[in-house]
PDB file of N, CA and C in Angstrom:
ATOM      1  N   MET A   1     -16.021  -3.469  16.679  1.00  0.00           N
ATOM      2  CA  MET A   1     -15.561  -2.376  17.468  1.00  0.00           C
ATOM      3  C   MET A   1     -16.023  -2.529  18.919  1.00  0.00           C
ATOM      4  N   LYS A   2     -15.762  -3.676  19.488  1.00  0.00           N
ATOM      5  CA  LYS A   2     -16.131  -3.945  20.866  1.00  0.00           C
ATOM      6  C   LYS A   2     -15.480  -2.961  21.830  1.00  0.00           C
ATOM      7  N   ALA A   3     -14.309  -2.473  21.467  1.00  0.00           N
ATOM      8  CA  ALA A   3     -13.544  -1.600  22.360  1.00  0.00           C
ATOM      9  C   ALA A   3     -14.288  -0.318  22.691  1.00  0.00           C
ATOM     10  N   LYS A   4     -15.150   0.143  21.786  1.00  0.00           N
ATOM     11  CA  LYS A   4     -15.889   1.365  22.059  1.00  0.00           C
ATOM     12  C   LYS A   4     -16.698   1.247  23.350  1.00  0.00           C
ATOM     13  N   GLY A   5     -17.254   0.089  23.593  1.00  0.00           N
ATOM     14  CA  GLY A   5     -18.045  -0.120  24.799  1.00  0.00           C
ATOM     15  C   GLY A   5     -17.198  -0.177  26.059  1.00  0.00           C
ATOM     16  N   TRP A   6     -15.943  -0.541  25.920  1.00  0.00           N
ATOM     17  CA  TRP A   6     -15.065  -0.671  27.074  1.00  0.00           C
ATOM     18  C   TRP A   6     -14.505   0.669  27.523  1.00  0.00           C
ATOM     19  N   VAL A   7     -14.545   1.660  26.675  1.00  0.00           N
ATOM     20  CA  VAL A   7     -13.878   2.924  26.954  1.00  0.00           C
ATOM     21  C   VAL A   7     -14.531   3.695  28.081  1.00  0.00           C
ATOM     22  N   GLY A   8     -15.833   3.806  28.049  1.00  0.00           N
ATOM     23  CA  GLY A   8     -16.508   4.577  29.081  1.00  0.00           C
ATOM     24  C   GLY A   8     -16.326   6.062  28.879  1.00  0.00           C
ATOM     25  N   LYS A   9     -16.457   6.816  29.950  1.00  0.00           N
ATOM     26  CA  LYS A   9     -16.356   8.266  29.885  1.00  0.00           C
ATOM     27  C   LYS A   9     -14.906   8.709  29.715  1.00  0.00           C
ATOM     28  N   ILE A  10     -14.718   9.717  28.874  1.00  0.00           N
ATOM     29  CA  ILE A  10     -13.383  10.251  28.619  1.00  0.00           C
ATOM     30  C   ILE A  10     -13.163  11.450  29.520  1.00  0.00           C
ATOM     31  N   SER A  11     -12.022  11.465  30.180  1.00  0.00           N
ATOM     32  CA  SER A  11     -11.697  12.596  31.037  1.00  0.00           C
ATOM     33  C   SER A  11     -10.427  13.267  30.527  1.00  0.00           C
ATOM     34  N   LYS A  12     -10.133  14.436  31.046  1.00  0.00           N
ATOM     35  CA  LYS A  12      -8.937  15.163  30.632  1.00  0.00           C
ATOM     36  C   LYS A  12      -7.667  14.416  31.016  1.00  0.00           C
ATOM     37  N   GLU A  13      -7.743  13.580  32.025  1.00  0.00           N
ATOM     38  CA  GLU A  13      -6.580  12.836  32.477  1.00  0.00           C
ATOM     39  C   GLU A  13      -6.252  11.671  31.552  1.00  0.00           C
ATOM     40  N   GLN A  14      -7.171  11.323  30.658  1.00  0.00           N
ATOM     41  CA  GLN A  14      -6.981  10.182  29.777  1.00  0.00           C
ATOM     42  C   GLN A  14      -7.253  10.556  28.323  1.00  0.00           C
ATOM     43  N   PRO A  15      -6.487  11.490  27.763  1.00  0.00           N
ATOM     44  CA  PRO A  15      -6.754  11.933  26.397  1.00  0.00           C
ATOM     45  C   PRO A  15      -6.560  10.853  25.340  1.00  0.00           C
ATOM     46  N   ALA A  16      -5.714   9.859  25.598  1.00  0.00           N
ATOM     47  CA  ALA A  16      -5.476   8.807  24.615  1.00  0.00           C
ATOM     48  C   ALA A  16      -6.723   7.960  24.385  1.00  0.00           C
ATOM     49  N   ARG A  17      -7.641   7.923  25.336  1.00  0.00           N
ATOM     50  CA  ARG A  17      -8.858   7.138  25.180  1.00  0.00           C
ATOM     51  C   ARG A  17      -9.747   7.699  24.088  1.00  0.00           C
ATOM     52  N   VAL A  18      -9.570   8.962  23.734  1.00  0.00           N
ATOM     53  CA  VAL A  18     -10.359   9.570  22.675  1.00  0.00           C
ATOM     54  C   VAL A  18     -10.149   8.812  21.368  1.00  0.00           C
ATOM     55  N   GLN A  19      -8.927   8.375  21.111  1.00  0.00           N
ATOM     56  CA  GLN A  19      -8.621   7.679  19.869  1.00  0.00           C
ATOM     57  C   GLN A  19      -9.411   6.389  19.716  1.00  0.00           C
ATOM     58  N   MET A  20      -9.724   5.716  20.829  1.00  0.00           N
ATOM     59  CA  MET A  20     -10.492   4.479  20.738  1.00  0.00           C
ATOM     60  C   MET A  20     -11.913   4.744  20.265  1.00  0.00           C
ATOM     61  N   LEU A  21     -12.422   5.912  20.531  1.00  0.00           N
ATOM     62  CA  LEU A  21     -13.789   6.226  20.131  1.00  0.00           C
ATOM     63  C   LEU A  21     -13.885   6.628  18.668  1.00  0.00           C
ATOM     64  N   LYS A  22     -12.793   7.081  18.094  1.00  0.00           N
ATOM     65  CA  LYS A  22     -12.826   7.639  16.760  1.00  0.00           C
ATOM     66  C   LYS A  22     -12.284   6.639  15.750  1.00  0.00           C
ATOM     67  N   CYS A  23     -13.139   5.825  15.204  1.00  0.00           N
ATOM     68  CA  CYS A  23     -12.752   4.845  14.201  1.00  0.00           C
ATOM     69  C   CYS A  23     -13.385   5.207  12.864  1.00  0.00           C
ATOM     70  N   VAL A  24     -12.668   4.895  11.806  1.00  0.00           N
ATOM     71  CA  VAL A  24     -13.197   5.080  10.463  1.00  0.00           C
ATOM     72  C   VAL A  24     -13.087   3.747   9.735  1.00  0.00           C
ATOM     73  N   SER A  25     -13.815   3.597   8.671  1.00  0.00           N
ATOM     74  CA  SER A  25     -13.747   2.371   7.881  1.00  0.00           C
ATOM     75  C   SER A  25     -12.514   2.415   6.982  1.00  0.00           C
ATOM     76  N   PRO A  26     -12.003   1.271   6.587  1.00  0.00           N
ATOM     77  CA  PRO A  26     -10.862   1.261   5.667  1.00  0.00           C
ATOM     78  C   PRO A  26     -11.225   1.916   4.329  1.00  0.00           C
ATOM     79  N   ASP A  27     -12.479   1.795   3.920  1.00  0.00           N
ATOM     80  CA  ASP A  27     -12.923   2.464   2.693  1.00  0.00           C
ATOM     81  C   ASP A  27     -12.790   3.974   2.821  1.00  0.00           C
ATOM     82  N   ALA A  28     -13.097   4.497   4.011  1.00  0.00           N
ATOM     83  CA  ALA A  28     -12.973   5.937   4.245  1.00  0.00           C
ATOM     84  C   ALA A  28     -11.515   6.362   4.198  1.00  0.00           C
ATOM     85  N   VAL A  29     -10.619   5.529   4.710  1.00  0.00           N
ATOM     86  CA  VAL A  29      -9.186   5.827   4.651  1.00  0.00           C
ATOM     87  C   VAL A  29      -8.741   5.925   3.196  1.00  0.00           C
ATOM     88  N   VAL A  30      -9.136   4.940   2.403  1.00  0.00           N
ATOM     89  CA  VAL A  30      -8.767   4.937   0.981  1.00  0.00           C
ATOM     90  C   VAL A  30      -9.322   6.180   0.285  1.00  0.00           C
ATOM     91  N   LYS A  31     -10.561   6.512   0.585  1.00  0.00           N
ATOM     92  CA  LYS A  31     -11.200   7.669  -0.046  1.00  0.00           C
ATOM     93  C   LYS A  31     -10.456   8.969   0.284  1.00  0.00           C
ATOM     94  N   VAL A  32     -10.056   9.127   1.541  1.00  0.00           N
ATOM     95  CA  VAL A  32      -9.330  10.336   1.949  1.00  0.00           C
ATOM     96  C   VAL A  32      -7.977  10.406   1.253  1.00  0.00           C
ATOM     97  N   VAL A  33      -7.261   9.286   1.199  1.00  0.00           N
ATOM     98  CA  VAL A  33      -5.940   9.282   0.555  1.00  0.00           C
ATOM     99  C   VAL A  33      -6.088   9.547  -0.945  1.00  0.00           C
ATOM    100  N   GLU A  34      -7.085   8.954  -1.565  1.00  0.00           N
ATOM    101  CA  GLU A  34      -7.336   9.216  -2.987  1.00  0.00           C
ATOM    102  C   GLU A  34      -7.578  10.708  -3.218  1.00  0.00           C
ATOM    103  N   GLN A  35      -8.378  11.300  -2.368  1.00  0.00           N
ATOM    104  CA  GLN A  35      -8.697  12.724  -2.490  1.00  0.00           C
ATOM    105  C   GLN A  35      -7.438  13.577  -2.339  1.00  0.00           C
ATOM    106  N   LYS A  36      -6.632  13.286  -1.340  1.00  0.00           N
ATOM    107  CA  LYS A  36      -5.422  14.075  -1.084  1.00  0.00           C
ATOM    108  C   LYS A  36      -4.368  13.895  -2.174  1.00  0.00           C
ATOM    109  N   ARG A  37      -4.281  12.696  -2.714  1.00  0.00           N
ATOM    110  CA  ARG A  37      -3.285  12.423  -3.752  1.00  0.00           C
ATOM    111  C   ARG A  37      -3.773  12.810  -5.142  1.00  0.00           C
ATOM    112  N   GLY A  38      -5.070  12.852  -5.322  1.00  0.00           N
ATOM    113  CA  GLY A  38      -5.610  13.198  -6.627  1.00  0.00           C
ATOM    114  C   GLY A  38      -5.570  12.068  -7.637  1.00  0.00           C
ATOM    115  N   GLU A  39      -5.520  10.841  -7.162  1.00  0.00           N
ATOM    116  CA  GLU A  39      -5.574   9.683  -8.047  1.00  0.00           C
ATOM    117  C   GLU A  39      -6.235   8.514  -7.336  1.00  0.00           C
ATOM    118  N   ALA A  40      -6.747   7.590  -8.116  1.00  0.00           N
ATOM    119  CA  ALA A  40      -7.489   6.449  -7.573  1.00  0.00           C
ATOM    120  C   ALA A  40      -6.558   5.424  -6.933  1.00  0.00           C
ATOM    121  N   TRP A  41      -7.078   4.731  -5.930  1.00  0.00           N
ATOM    122  CA  TRP A  41      -6.349   3.668  -5.228  1.00  0.00           C
ATOM    123  C   TRP A  41      -5.822   2.648  -6.224  1.00  0.00           C
ATOM    124  N   SER A  42      -6.636   2.275  -7.198  1.00  0.00           N
ATOM    125  CA  SER A  42      -6.224   1.259  -8.173  1.00  0.00           C
ATOM    126  C   SER A  42      -5.009   1.692  -8.980  1.00  0.00           C
ATOM    127  N   GLU A  43      -4.787   2.994  -9.101  1.00  0.00           N
ATOM    128  CA  GLU A  43      -3.646   3.495  -9.862  1.00  0.00           C
ATOM    129  C   GLU A  43      -2.337   3.421  -9.080  1.00  0.00           C
ATOM    130  N   PHE A  44      -2.384   3.580  -7.758  1.00  0.00           N
ATOM    131  CA  PHE A  44      -1.133   3.606  -6.997  1.00  0.00           C
ATOM    132  C   PHE A  44      -0.947   2.437  -6.039  1.00  0.00           C
ATOM    133  N   ALA A  45      -1.952   1.611  -5.846  1.00  0.00           N
ATOM    134  CA  ALA A  45      -1.881   0.533  -4.854  1.00  0.00           C
ATOM    135  C   ALA A  45      -0.736  -0.439  -5.117  1.00  0.00           C
ATOM    136  N   ASP A  46      -0.500  -0.770  -6.358  1.00  0.00           N
ATOM    137  CA  ASP A  46       0.541  -1.746  -6.682  1.00  0.00           C
ATOM    138  C   ASP A  46       1.706  -1.145  -7.455  1.00  0.00           C
ATOM    139  N   ARG A  47       1.787   0.176  -7.494  1.00  0.00           N
ATOM    140  CA  ARG A  47       2.876   0.846  -8.210  1.00  0.00           C
ATOM    141  C   ARG A  47       4.167   0.722  -7.412  1.00  0.00           C
ATOM    142  N   HIS A  48       5.176   0.174  -8.039  1.00  0.00           N
ATOM    143  CA  HIS A  48       6.465  -0.032  -7.368  1.00  0.00           C
ATOM    144  C   HIS A  48       7.067   1.307  -6.950  1.00  0.00           C
ATOM    145  N   GLY A  49       7.480   1.393  -5.697  1.00  0.00           N
ATOM    146  CA  GLY A  49       8.123   2.586  -5.178  1.00  0.00           C
ATOM    147  C   GLY A  49       7.186   3.683  -4.715  1.00  0.00           C
ATOM    148  N   ASP A  50       5.900   3.497  -4.886  1.00  0.00           N
ATOM    149  CA  ASP A  50       4.926   4.509  -4.469  1.00  0.00           C
ATOM    150  C   ASP A  50       4.573   4.277  -3.002  1.00  0.00           C
ATOM    151  N   TRP A  51       4.650   5.319  -2.193  1.00  0.00           N
ATOM    152  CA  TRP A  51       4.381   5.188  -0.761  1.00  0.00           C
ATOM    153  C   TRP A  51       2.907   5.372  -0.406  1.00  0.00           C
ATOM    154  N   GLY A  52       2.047   5.511  -1.388  1.00  0.00           N
ATOM    155  CA  GLY A  52       0.617   5.672  -1.130  1.00  0.00           C
ATOM    156  C   GLY A  52      -0.001   4.470  -0.435  1.00  0.00           C
ATOM    157  N   ARG A  53       0.414   3.289  -0.844  1.00  0.00           N
ATOM    158  CA  ARG A  53      -0.104   2.063  -0.220  1.00  0.00           C
ATOM    159  C   ARG A  53       0.297   2.000   1.250  1.00  0.00           C
ATOM    160  N   GLU A  54       1.549   2.329   1.538  1.00  0.00           N
ATOM    161  CA  GLU A  54       2.017   2.334   2.922  1.00  0.00           C
ATOM    162  C   GLU A  54       1.274   3.375   3.752  1.00  0.00           C
ATOM    163  N   LEU A  55       0.975   4.512   3.145  1.00  0.00           N
ATOM    164  CA  LEU A  55       0.199   5.551   3.824  1.00  0.00           C
ATOM    165  C   LEU A  55      -1.172   5.022   4.206  1.00  0.00           C
ATOM    166  N   VAL A  56      -1.833   4.342   3.282  1.00  0.00           N
ATOM    167  CA  VAL A  56      -3.161   3.785   3.560  1.00  0.00           C
ATOM    168  C   VAL A  56      -3.086   2.756   4.679  1.00  0.00           C
ATOM    169  N   LEU A  57      -2.104   1.862   4.627  1.00  0.00           N
ATOM    170  CA  LEU A  57      -1.967   0.841   5.668  1.00  0.00           C
ATOM    171  C   LEU A  57      -1.669   1.478   7.025  1.00  0.00           C
ATOM    172  N   TYR A  58      -0.808   2.490   7.034  1.00  0.00           N
ATOM    173  CA  TYR A  58      -0.471   3.203   8.270  1.00  0.00           C
ATOM    174  C   TYR A  58      -1.712   3.860   8.870  1.00  0.00           C
ATOM    175  N   LEU A  59      -2.471   4.566   8.039  1.00  0.00           N
ATOM    176  CA  LEU A  59      -3.676   5.241   8.528  1.00  0.00           C
ATOM    177  C   LEU A  59      -4.736   4.233   8.971  1.00  0.00           C
ATOM    178  N   ALA A  60      -4.848   3.139   8.239  1.00  0.00           N
ATOM    179  CA  ALA A  60      -5.811   2.099   8.627  1.00  0.00           C
ATOM    180  C   ALA A  60      -5.442   1.523   9.990  1.00  0.00           C
ATOM    181  N   ARG A  61      -4.172   1.316  10.215  1.00  0.00           N
ATOM    182  CA  ARG A  61      -3.716   0.781  11.507  1.00  0.00           C
ATOM    183  C   ARG A  61      -4.014   1.754  12.638  1.00  0.00           C
ATOM    184  N   ARG A  62      -3.828   3.031  12.377  1.00  0.00           N
ATOM    185  CA  ARG A  62      -4.042   4.043  13.412  1.00  0.00           C
ATOM    186  C   ARG A  62      -5.511   4.337  13.665  1.00  0.00           C
ATOM    187  N   ARG A  63      -6.356   4.280  12.635  1.00  0.00           N
ATOM    188  CA  ARG A  63      -7.700   4.821  12.792  1.00  0.00           C
ATOM    189  C   ARG A  63      -8.860   3.860  12.564  1.00  0.00           C
ATOM    190  N   CYS A  64      -8.602   2.638  12.134  1.00  0.00           N
ATOM    191  CA  CYS A  64      -9.711   1.731  11.827  1.00  0.00           C
ATOM    192  C   CYS A  64     -10.076   0.776  12.961  1.00  0.00           C
ATOM    193  N   GLY A  65      -9.225   0.664  13.960  1.00  0.00           N
ATOM    194  CA  GLY A  65      -9.520  -0.261  15.044  1.00  0.00           C
ATOM    195  C   GLY A  65      -9.469  -1.711  14.606  1.00  0.00           C
ATOM    196  N   MET A  66      -8.649  -2.002  13.615  1.00  0.00           N
ATOM    197  CA  MET A  66      -8.538  -3.355  13.070  1.00  0.00           C
ATOM    198  C   MET A  66      -7.177  -3.953  13.414  1.00  0.00           C
ATOM    199  N   THR A  67      -7.131  -5.280  13.463  1.00  0.00           N
ATOM    200  CA  THR A  67      -5.858  -5.961  13.660  1.00  0.00           C
ATOM    201  C   THR A  67      -5.066  -5.931  12.357  1.00  0.00           C
ATOM    202  N   LEU A  68      -3.798  -6.259  12.447  1.00  0.00           N
ATOM    203  CA  LEU A  68      -2.971  -6.339  11.244  1.00  0.00           C
ATOM    204  C   LEU A  68      -3.519  -7.363  10.267  1.00  0.00           C
ATOM    205  N   SER A  69      -3.998  -8.483  10.777  1.00  0.00           N
ATOM    206  CA  SER A  69      -4.575  -9.522   9.920  1.00  0.00           C
ATOM    207  C   SER A  69      -5.822  -9.016   9.205  1.00  0.00           C
ATOM    208  N   GLU A  70      -6.677  -8.309   9.932  1.00  0.00           N
ATOM    209  CA  GLU A  70      -7.894  -7.761   9.329  1.00  0.00           C
ATOM    210  C   GLU A  70      -7.569  -6.734   8.253  1.00  0.00           C
ATOM    211  N   ILE A  71      -6.577  -5.907   8.515  1.00  0.00           N
ATOM    212  CA  ILE A  71      -6.152  -4.925   7.509  1.00  0.00           C
ATOM    213  C   ILE A  71      -5.625  -5.658   6.279  1.00  0.00           C
ATOM    214  N   GLY A  72      -4.795  -6.663   6.503  1.00  0.00           N
ATOM    215  CA  GLY A  72      -4.262  -7.450   5.395  1.00  0.00           C
ATOM    216  C   GLY A  72      -5.352  -8.103   4.574  1.00  0.00           C
ATOM    217  N   GLN A  73      -6.335  -8.694   5.239  1.00  0.00           N
ATOM    218  CA  GLN A  73      -7.443  -9.322   4.521  1.00  0.00           C
ATOM    219  C   GLN A  73      -8.215  -8.302   3.708  1.00  0.00           C
ATOM    220  N   PHE A  74      -8.474  -7.150   4.280  1.00  0.00           N
ATOM    221  CA  PHE A  74      -9.241  -6.126   3.583  1.00  0.00           C
ATOM    222  C   PHE A  74      -8.521  -5.659   2.317  1.00  0.00           C
ATOM    223  N   PHE A  75      -7.206  -5.487   2.406  1.00  0.00           N
ATOM    224  CA  PHE A  75      -6.438  -4.958   1.280  1.00  0.00           C
ATOM    225  C   PHE A  75      -5.782  -6.045   0.431  1.00  0.00           C
ATOM    226  N   GLY A  76      -6.104  -7.300   0.693  1.00  0.00           N
ATOM    227  CA  GLY A  76      -5.592  -8.391  -0.128  1.00  0.00           C
ATOM    228  C   GLY A  76      -4.132  -8.725   0.099  1.00  0.00           C
ATOM    229  N   ILE A  77      -3.685  -8.547   1.326  1.00  0.00           N
ATOM    230  CA  ILE A  77      -2.301  -8.866   1.692  1.00  0.00           C
ATOM    231  C   ILE A  77      -2.343 -10.137   2.525  1.00  0.00           C
ATOM    232  N   ALA A  78      -1.659 -11.166   2.068  1.00  0.00           N
ATOM    233  CA  ALA A  78      -1.775 -12.489   2.673  1.00  0.00           C
ATOM    234  C   ALA A  78      -1.237 -12.570   4.100  1.00  0.00           C
ATOM    235  N   GLU A  79      -0.136 -11.912   4.374  1.00  0.00           N
ATOM    236  CA  GLU A  79       0.512 -12.032   5.671  1.00  0.00           C
ATOM    237  C   GLU A  79       0.395 -10.754   6.492  1.00  0.00           C
ATOM    238  N   TYR A  80       0.010 -10.892   7.754  1.00  0.00           N
ATOM    239  CA  TYR A  80      -0.064  -9.731   8.635  1.00  0.00           C
ATOM    240  C   TYR A  80       1.317  -9.108   8.839  1.00  0.00           C
ATOM    241  N   LYS A  81       2.358  -9.937   8.713  1.00  0.00           N
ATOM    242  CA  LYS A  81       3.721  -9.439   8.877  1.00  0.00           C
ATOM    243  C   LYS A  81       4.068  -8.401   7.808  1.00  0.00           C
ATOM    244  N   ALA A  82       3.527  -8.582   6.614  1.00  0.00           N
ATOM    245  CA  ALA A  82       3.771  -7.619   5.537  1.00  0.00           C
ATOM    246  C   ALA A  82       3.121  -6.281   5.871  1.00  0.00           C
ATOM    247  N   VAL A  83       1.937  -6.330   6.472  1.00  0.00           N
ATOM    248  CA  VAL A  83       1.263  -5.107   6.894  1.00  0.00           C
ATOM    249  C   VAL A  83       2.082  -4.428   7.984  1.00  0.00           C
ATOM    250  N   SER A  84       2.539  -5.202   8.948  1.00  0.00           N
ATOM    251  CA  SER A  84       3.343  -4.671  10.036  1.00  0.00           C
ATOM    252  C   SER A  84       4.622  -4.013   9.513  1.00  0.00           C
ATOM    253  N   SER A  85       5.291  -4.679   8.592  1.00  0.00           N
ATOM    254  CA  SER A  85       6.526  -4.128   8.018  1.00  0.00           C
ATOM    255  C   SER A  85       6.263  -2.822   7.280  1.00  0.00           C
ATOM    256  N   ALA A  86       5.171  -2.776   6.518  1.00  0.00           N
ATOM    257  CA  ALA A  86       4.835  -1.558   5.772  1.00  0.00           C
ATOM    258  C   ALA A  86       4.536  -0.407   6.722  1.00  0.00           C
ATOM    259  N   VAL A  87       3.805  -0.699   7.791  1.00  0.00           N
ATOM    260  CA  VAL A  87       3.465   0.342   8.763  1.00  0.00           C
ATOM    261  C   VAL A  87       4.733   0.855   9.448  1.00  0.00           C
ATOM    262  N   LYS A  88       5.598  -0.047   9.872  1.00  0.00           N
ATOM    263  CA  LYS A  88       6.847   0.358  10.523  1.00  0.00           C
ATOM    264  C   LYS A  88       7.745   1.143   9.572  1.00  0.00           C
ATOM    265  N   ARG A  89       7.811   0.698   8.326  1.00  0.00           N
ATOM    266  CA  ARG A  89       8.620   1.390   7.323  1.00  0.00           C
ATOM    267  C   ARG A  89       8.106   2.814   7.108  1.00  0.00           C
ATOM    268  N   PHE A  90       6.771   2.959   7.069  1.00  0.00           N
ATOM    269  CA  PHE A  90       6.200   4.290   6.863  1.00  0.00           C
ATOM    270  C   PHE A  90       6.392   5.165   8.087  1.00  0.00           C
ATOM    271  N   GLU A  91       6.281   4.584   9.290  1.00  0.00           N
ATOM    272  CA  GLU A  91       6.532   5.350  10.517  1.00  0.00           C
ATOM    273  C   GLU A  91       7.951   5.909  10.517  1.00  0.00           C
ATOM    274  N   ALA A  92       8.908   5.094  10.095  1.00  0.00           N
ATOM    275  CA  ALA A  92      10.298   5.551  10.022  1.00  0.00           C
ATOM    276  C   ALA A  92      10.451   6.648   8.968  1.00  0.00           C
ATOM    277  N   ALA A  93       9.734   6.512   7.873  1.00  0.00           N
ATOM    278  CA  ALA A  93       9.835   7.487   6.784  1.00  0.00           C
ATOM    279  C   ALA A  93       9.269   8.845   7.190  1.00  0.00           C
ATOM    280  N   ILE A  94       8.170   8.856   7.941  1.00  0.00           N
ATOM    281  CA  ILE A  94       7.584  10.150   8.300  1.00  0.00           C
ATOM    282  C   ILE A  94       8.425  10.890   9.337  1.00  0.00           C
ATOM    283  N   GLU A  95       9.293  10.173  10.022  1.00  0.00           N
ATOM    284  CA  GLU A  95      10.219  10.831  10.946  1.00  0.00           C
ATOM    285  C   GLU A  95      11.197  11.723  10.184  1.00  0.00           C
ATOM    286  N   LYS A  96      11.535  11.313   8.960  1.00  0.00           N
ATOM    287  CA  LYS A  96      12.552  12.001   8.180  1.00  0.00           C
ATOM    288  C   LYS A  96      11.992  12.903   7.087  1.00  0.00           C
ATOM    289  N   ASP A  97      10.783  12.616   6.617  1.00  0.00           N
ATOM    290  CA  ASP A  97      10.238  13.291   5.438  1.00  0.00           C
ATOM    291  C   ASP A  97       9.088  14.232   5.802  1.00  0.00           C
ATOM    292  N   VAL A  98       9.309  15.512   5.628  1.00  0.00           N
ATOM    293  CA  VAL A  98       8.312  16.526   5.984  1.00  0.00           C
ATOM    294  C   VAL A  98       7.060  16.398   5.121  1.00  0.00           C
ATOM    295  N   ALA A  99       7.220  16.103   3.837  1.00  0.00           N
ATOM    296  CA  ALA A  99       6.066  15.994   2.934  1.00  0.00           C
ATOM    297  C   ALA A  99       5.149  14.842   3.353  1.00  0.00           C
ATOM    298  N   LYS A 100       5.728  13.721   3.714  1.00  0.00           N
ATOM    299  CA  LYS A 100       4.931  12.580   4.162  1.00  0.00           C
ATOM    300  C   LYS A 100       4.237  12.893   5.484  1.00  0.00           C
ATOM    301  N   ARG A 101       4.964  13.536   6.369  1.00  0.00           N
ATOM    302  CA  ARG A 101       4.387  13.910   7.665  1.00  0.00           C
ATOM    303  C   ARG A 101       3.213  14.874   7.466  1.00  0.00           C
ATOM    304  N   ARG A 102       3.358  15.814   6.548  1.00  0.00           N
ATOM    305  CA  ARG A 102       2.283  16.762   6.244  1.00  0.00           C
ATOM    306  C   ARG A 102       1.074  16.029   5.655  1.00  0.00           C
ATOM    307  N   MET A 103       1.326  15.069   4.772  1.00  0.00           N
ATOM    308  CA  MET A 103       0.235  14.294   4.166  1.00  0.00           C
ATOM    309  C   MET A 103      -0.527  13.513   5.234  1.00  0.00           C
ATOM    310  N   VAL A 104       0.194  12.904   6.178  1.00  0.00           N
ATOM    311  CA  VAL A 104      -0.454  12.172   7.266  1.00  0.00           C
ATOM    312  C   VAL A 104      -1.332  13.115   8.075  1.00  0.00           C
ATOM    313  N   LYS A 105      -0.807  14.268   8.404  1.00  0.00           N
ATOM    314  CA  LYS A 105      -1.565  15.234   9.195  1.00  0.00           C
ATOM    315  C   LYS A 105      -2.831  15.668   8.461  1.00  0.00           C
ATOM    316  N   GLU A 106      -2.709  15.959   7.177  1.00  0.00           N
ATOM    317  CA  GLU A 106      -3.870  16.373   6.385  1.00  0.00           C
ATOM    318  C   GLU A 106      -4.911  15.264   6.307  1.00  0.00           C
ATOM    319  N   CYS A 107      -4.460  14.034   6.112  1.00  0.00           N
ATOM    320  CA  CYS A 107      -5.392  12.897   6.035  1.00  0.00           C
ATOM    321  C   CYS A 107      -6.101  12.680   7.371  1.00  0.00           C
ATOM    322  N   LEU A 108      -5.362  12.767   8.466  1.00  0.00           N
ATOM    323  CA  LEU A 108      -5.971  12.592   9.786  1.00  0.00           C
ATOM    324  C   LEU A 108      -7.014  13.674  10.058  1.00  0.00           C
ATOM    325  N   LEU A 109      -6.706  14.902   9.661  1.00  0.00           N
ATOM    326  CA  LEU A 109      -7.681  15.986   9.838  1.00  0.00           C
ATOM    327  C   LEU A 109      -8.935  15.736   9.000  1.00  0.00           C
ATOM    328  N   GLU A 110      -8.743  15.261   7.794  1.00  0.00           N
ATOM    329  CA  GLU A 110      -9.888  14.968   6.923  1.00  0.00           C
ATOM    330  C   GLU A 110     -10.715  13.811   7.476  1.00  0.00           C
ATOM    331  N   MET A 111     -10.053  12.822   8.059  1.00  0.00           N
ATOM    332  CA  MET A 111     -10.774  11.672   8.612  1.00  0.00           C
ATOM    333  C   MET A 111     -11.605  12.040   9.831  1.00  0.00           C
ATOM    334  N   GLU A 112     -11.236  13.106  10.527  1.00  0.00           N
ATOM    335  CA  GLU A 112     -12.051  13.551  11.654  1.00  0.00           C
ATOM    336  C   GLU A 112     -13.448  13.918  11.200  1.00  0.00           C
ATOM    337  N   LYS A 113     -13.592  14.314   9.941  1.00  0.00           N
ATOM    338  CA  LYS A 113     -14.893  14.691   9.401  1.00  0.00           C
ATOM    339  C   LYS A 113     -15.760  13.485   9.059  1.00  0.00           C
ATOM    340  N   VAL A 114     -15.148  12.302   8.871  1.00  0.00           N
ATOM    341  CA  VAL A 114     -15.907  11.122   8.448  1.00  0.00           C
ATOM    342  C   VAL A 114     -16.001  10.040   9.510  1.00  0.00           C
ATOM    343  N   GLU A 115     -15.613  10.340  10.732  1.00  0.00           N
ATOM    344  CA  GLU A 115     -15.604   9.324  11.784  1.00  0.00           C
ATOM    345  C   GLU A 115     -17.001   8.799  12.051  1.00  0.00           C
ATOM    346  N   THR A 116     -17.034   7.533  12.423  1.00  0.00           N
ATOM    347  CA  THR A 116     -18.309   6.881  12.744  1.00  0.00           C
ATOM    348  C   THR A 116     -18.503   6.770  14.231  1.00  0.00           C
TER     349      THR A 116
END
């Protein structure tokens, strides 16, 4: 998380810089999604058609401060392109689906409590 040192002081004119300071671990992302969904990561991670995995990858991309390759390595995905595709697919889905958008919002709020 070298970027934290580069950020410096946050001012009202630069609200986007706040996001660089607020990183969570990928384990914390999984834990929050498990809690919100009410089932373990191992149960939905490889389930065909389940968007839980995409949700985790999307949240990890937004809040972990990791590259696509690092996210892929952490979650056992060989190609960073697969992570990128999943994140883009989920971004498109939340534009159309209120339930998914609500889940993202709830997870992000919960992650604010576990930030490092």
